[in-house]
Amino acid sequence: MLVIGILGGVASGKSLVSQQLVALGGRLLDADRAGHEVLRQSDVKQSIRNRWGDTVFHPEGEVHRAAVAAIVFGPPPEGPHELHFLEQLTHPRIREKLTTTITAERAAGTTPALVLDAPVMLKTGWDAICDSILFVEANRENRLQRALTRGWSEADFDAREAAQTALELKQKRADWIIDNNGTVEQTKLQIERIWKSLGLRTPETRS
């Protein structure tokens, strides 16, 4: 079983690539979902409450992720400082969840590939648990337009981009590059070629 990591800029199309790899027979190793689970842990919530107070919690007691994002992606120096606190609190726990899933899937032997989509992969060192890395290439204009359709502002886009590893470093780390500036079909064809090049079988050819 392979672990395939997905890198790219903000709104580059990493989710599209991940979904297509899943359609080919892989399984999503969801770092975002693991992060949600970590934010529900009682000691994590207490640390967040001690840091930022009740204003970053929903009435039912769960972390208000948008409120936390407004703090940690705020302007420097406060924003980066608060982001560092959150990362130190959550990233080791997220990695533990990811590695537990990988171990279980390898033992089961039923999944040809796990697909890890994690924007902070290089920052956290999670690329070390991947067997192959794909970089999703898209120019800034296309990525910004996609982000705007999500309800983000250009300032939101720039803040998220600035908080991540530089695109040049992500691309340099990758084993494969997917051009996602064209149509969805063009992107899918590239993904299918990479899947076959990795020696993975499609659902039609698997026994």
Protein backbone atom coordinates (compact mmCIF):
# COMPACT_ATOMS: atom_id res chain seq x y z
CA MET A 1 0.00 0.00 0.00
CA LEU A 2 1.26 3.46 -0.95
CA VAL A 3 0.69 6.73 0.87
CA ILE A 4 0.33 9.52 -1.72
CA GLY A 5 0.72 13.08 -0.48
CA ILE A 6 -0.95 16.01 -2.24
CA LEU A 7 0.74 19.43 -2.26
CA GLY A 8 -0.27 22.69 -3.92
CA GLY A 9 -1.15 26.30 -3.30
CA VAL A 10 -4.37 27.56 -1.77
CA ALA A 11 -7.35 26.65 -4.02
CA SER A 12 -5.07 24.88 -6.51
CA GLY A 13 -7.40 21.89 -6.83
CA LYS A 14 -5.93 19.50 -4.28
CA SER A 15 -9.39 18.26 -3.32
CA LEU A 16 -10.20 17.48 -6.97
CA VAL A 17 -7.01 15.47 -7.30
CA SER A 18 -7.67 13.65 -4.02
CA GLN A 19 -11.23 12.81 -5.08
CA GLN A 20 -10.04 11.41 -8.40
CA LEU A 21 -7.42 9.25 -6.70
CA VAL A 22 -10.16 7.93 -4.42
CA ALA A 23 -12.32 7.23 -7.48
CA LEU A 24 -9.45 5.17 -8.89
CA GLY A 25 -9.39 2.99 -5.79
CA GLY A 26 -7.55 4.93 -3.11
CA ARG A 27 -8.83 6.01 0.27
CA LEU A 28 -8.65 9.53 1.67
CA LEU A 29 -6.37 10.03 4.65
CA ASP A 30 -8.18 13.12 5.86
CA ALA A 31 -5.90 15.42 7.88
CA ASP A 32 -8.67 18.03 8.08
CA ARG A 33 -11.05 15.52 9.63
CA ALA A 34 -8.33 14.42 12.05
CA GLY A 35 -7.89 18.10 12.95
CA HIS A 36 -11.62 18.42 13.67
CA GLU A 37 -11.42 15.39 15.94
CA VAL A 38 -8.43 16.83 17.79
CA LEU A 39 -10.33 20.08 18.39
CA ARG A 40 -13.03 18.05 20.15
CA GLN A 41 -10.58 16.60 22.68
CA SER A 42 -11.29 18.01 26.14
CA ASP A 43 -7.71 18.98 26.99
CA VAL A 44 -7.25 20.69 23.63
CA LYS A 45 -10.46 22.66 24.13
CA GLN A 46 -9.31 23.67 27.58
CA SER A 47 -5.98 24.93 26.25
CA ILE A 48 -7.80 26.93 23.57
CA ARG A 49 -10.22 28.34 26.12
CA ASN A 50 -7.33 29.37 28.37
CA ARG A 51 -5.66 31.09 25.43
CA TRP A 52 -8.57 32.87 23.71
CA GLY A 53 -11.55 32.62 26.03
CA ASP A 54 -15.16 31.66 25.44
CA THR A 55 -15.55 33.80 22.32
CA VAL A 56 -13.98 31.08 20.14
CA PHE A 57 -16.55 28.48 21.19
CA HIS A 58 -20.03 27.68 19.95
CA PRO A 59 -22.83 27.74 22.56
CA GLU A 60 -22.79 23.93 22.67
CA GLY A 61 -19.14 23.98 23.73
CA GLU A 62 -17.29 23.05 20.55
CA VAL A 63 -14.51 25.14 19.03
CA HIS A 64 -15.70 27.80 16.58
CA ARG A 65 -13.15 27.15 13.84
CA ALA A 66 -13.89 30.33 11.90
CA ALA A 67 -13.31 32.41 15.03
CA VAL A 68 -10.01 30.67 15.66
CA ALA A 69 -9.00 31.13 12.00
CA ALA A 70 -9.66 34.87 12.28
CA ILE A 71 -7.11 34.99 15.10
CA VAL A 72 -4.38 32.71 13.78
CA PHE A 73 -4.48 34.08 10.23
CA GLY A 74 -4.49 37.66 11.45
CA PRO A 75 -1.75 40.16 10.61
CA PRO A 76 1.75 39.89 12.09
CA PRO A 77 3.14 39.77 14.61
CA GLU A 78 0.09 38.55 16.56
CA GLY A 79 -1.34 36.25 13.87
CA PRO A 80 1.77 34.12 13.25
CA HIS A 81 2.43 33.94 16.98
CA GLU A 82 -1.06 32.61 17.68
CA LEU A 83 -0.85 30.22 14.73
CA HIS A 84 2.34 28.77 16.18
CA PHE A 85 0.53 28.12 19.46
CA LEU A 86 -2.29 26.30 17.69
CA GLU A 87 0.07 24.23 15.57
CA GLN A 88 2.15 23.17 18.56
CA LEU A 89 -1.05 22.12 20.31
CA THR A 90 -2.71 20.19 17.49
CA HIS A 91 -0.18 18.96 14.93
CA PRO A 92 1.44 16.18 17.01
CA ARG A 93 -2.02 14.82 17.82
CA ILE A 94 -3.07 14.94 14.18
CA ARG A 95 0.07 13.09 13.11
CA GLU A 96 -0.63 10.40 15.69
CA LYS A 97 -4.11 9.89 14.23
CA LEU A 98 -2.75 9.74 10.68
CA THR A 99 -0.04 7.21 11.48
CA THR A 100 -2.52 5.05 13.40
CA THR A 101 -4.75 4.93 10.33
CA ILE A 102 -1.82 4.09 8.03
CA THR A 103 -0.73 1.22 10.29
CA ALA A 104 -4.27 -0.18 10.42
CA GLU A 105 -4.74 0.06 6.65
CA ARG A 106 -1.40 -1.62 5.92
CA ALA A 107 -2.30 -4.44 8.29
CA ALA A 108 -5.70 -4.89 6.62
CA GLY A 109 -4.15 -4.96 3.15
CA THR A 110 -7.36 -3.97 1.38
CA THR A 111 -6.45 -0.47 0.17
CA PRO A 112 -3.96 0.09 -2.68
CA ALA A 113 -3.25 3.70 -1.68
CA LEU A 114 -4.01 6.25 0.99
CA VAL A 115 -4.27 9.87 -0.18
CA LEU A 116 -3.05 12.57 2.20
CA ASP A 117 -4.25 16.11 1.49
CA ALA A 118 -2.68 18.37 4.12
CA PRO A 119 -1.75 22.00 3.33
CA VAL A 120 0.80 22.01 6.18
CA MET A 121 2.43 18.73 5.12
CA LEU A 122 5.95 20.08 4.69
CA LYS A 123 5.69 22.42 7.65
CA THR A 124 4.84 19.51 9.94
CA GLY A 125 7.13 16.94 8.37
CA TRP A 126 4.20 14.71 7.42
CA ASP A 127 5.73 14.25 3.96
CA ALA A 128 8.01 11.72 5.67
CA ILE A 129 5.07 9.31 5.99
CA CYS A 130 4.34 9.53 2.24
CA ASP A 131 5.72 7.20 -0.43
CA SER A 132 5.06 9.61 -3.29
CA ILE A 133 4.19 13.32 -3.48
CA LEU A 134 2.00 15.01 -6.11
CA PHE A 135 2.09 18.79 -6.62
CA VAL A 136 -1.03 20.43 -8.07
CA GLU A 137 0.01 23.39 -10.23
CA ALA A 138 -2.37 26.30 -10.84
CA ASN A 139 -1.58 29.95 -11.46
CA ARG A 140 -2.49 32.61 -8.91
CA GLU A 141 -5.31 34.10 -11.00
CA ASN A 142 -7.12 30.76 -11.23
CA ARG A 143 -6.55 29.96 -7.57
CA LEU A 144 -7.77 33.36 -6.43
CA GLN A 145 -10.96 33.06 -8.50
CA ARG A 146 -11.66 29.67 -6.96
CA ALA A 147 -11.09 31.08 -3.48
CA LEU A 148 -13.45 33.99 -4.14
CA THR A 149 -16.21 31.54 -5.09
CA ARG A 150 -15.79 30.01 -1.62
CA GLY A 151 -16.65 33.34 -0.05
CA TRP A 152 -13.08 34.34 0.76
CA SER A 153 -11.70 37.82 0.21
CA GLU A 154 -8.37 38.40 -1.51
CA ALA A 155 -6.95 39.29 1.91
CA ASP A 156 -8.13 35.90 3.24
CA PHE A 157 -6.45 34.19 0.30
CA ASP A 158 -3.16 36.03 0.81
CA ALA A 159 -3.18 35.34 4.57
CA ARG A 160 -3.69 31.59 4.07
CA GLU A 161 -1.01 31.51 1.37
CA ALA A 162 1.47 33.36 3.57
CA ALA A 163 0.93 30.88 6.41
CA GLN A 164 1.95 27.92 4.22
CA THR A 165 5.25 26.67 2.85
CA ALA A 166 6.39 28.53 -0.29
CA LEU A 167 5.07 27.06 -3.54
CA GLU A 168 8.59 26.67 -4.92
CA LEU A 169 9.55 24.41 -2.01
CA LYS A 170 6.38 22.34 -2.38
CA GLN A 171 7.02 21.83 -6.08
CA LYS A 172 10.65 20.92 -5.47
CA ARG A 173 9.61 18.25 -2.96
CA ALA A 174 7.13 16.64 -5.36
CA ASP A 175 7.70 13.48 -7.39
CA TRP A 176 4.92 14.37 -9.85
CA ILE A 177 3.40 17.65 -11.07
CA ILE A 178 -0.22 17.94 -12.20
CA ASP A 179 -1.22 20.96 -14.29
CA ASN A 180 -4.66 22.03 -13.06
CA ASN A 181 -4.97 25.19 -15.15
CA GLY A 182 -7.06 23.42 -17.80
CA THR A 183 -10.27 21.45 -17.74
CA VAL A 184 -11.29 18.88 -15.17
CA GLU A 185 -11.00 16.16 -17.80
CA GLN A 186 -7.43 17.18 -18.63
CA THR A 187 -6.54 16.99 -14.94
CA LYS A 188 -8.19 13.58 -14.58
CA LEU A 189 -6.18 12.17 -17.48
CA GLN A 190 -2.94 13.24 -15.81
CA ILE A 191 -4.00 11.63 -12.54
CA GLU A 192 -4.88 8.36 -14.28
CA ARG A 193 -1.45 8.26 -15.94
CA ILE A 194 0.29 8.82 -12.60
CA TRP A 195 -1.84 6.15 -10.91
CA LYS A 196 -0.76 3.61 -13.52
CA SER A 197 2.87 4.76 -13.37
CA LEU A 198 2.85 4.06 -9.62
CA GLY A 199 1.91 0.48 -10.41
CA LEU A 200 -1.60 0.81 -9.00
CA ARG A 201 -4.54 -0.92 -10.59
CA THR A 202 -7.86 0.67 -11.44
CA PRO A 203 -11.13 -0.83 -10.13
CA GLU A 204 -11.76 -2.34 -13.58
CA THR A 205 -8.51 -4.32 -13.52
CA ARG A 206 -8.39 -5.27 -9.86
CA SER A 207 -9.44 -8.82 -9.07
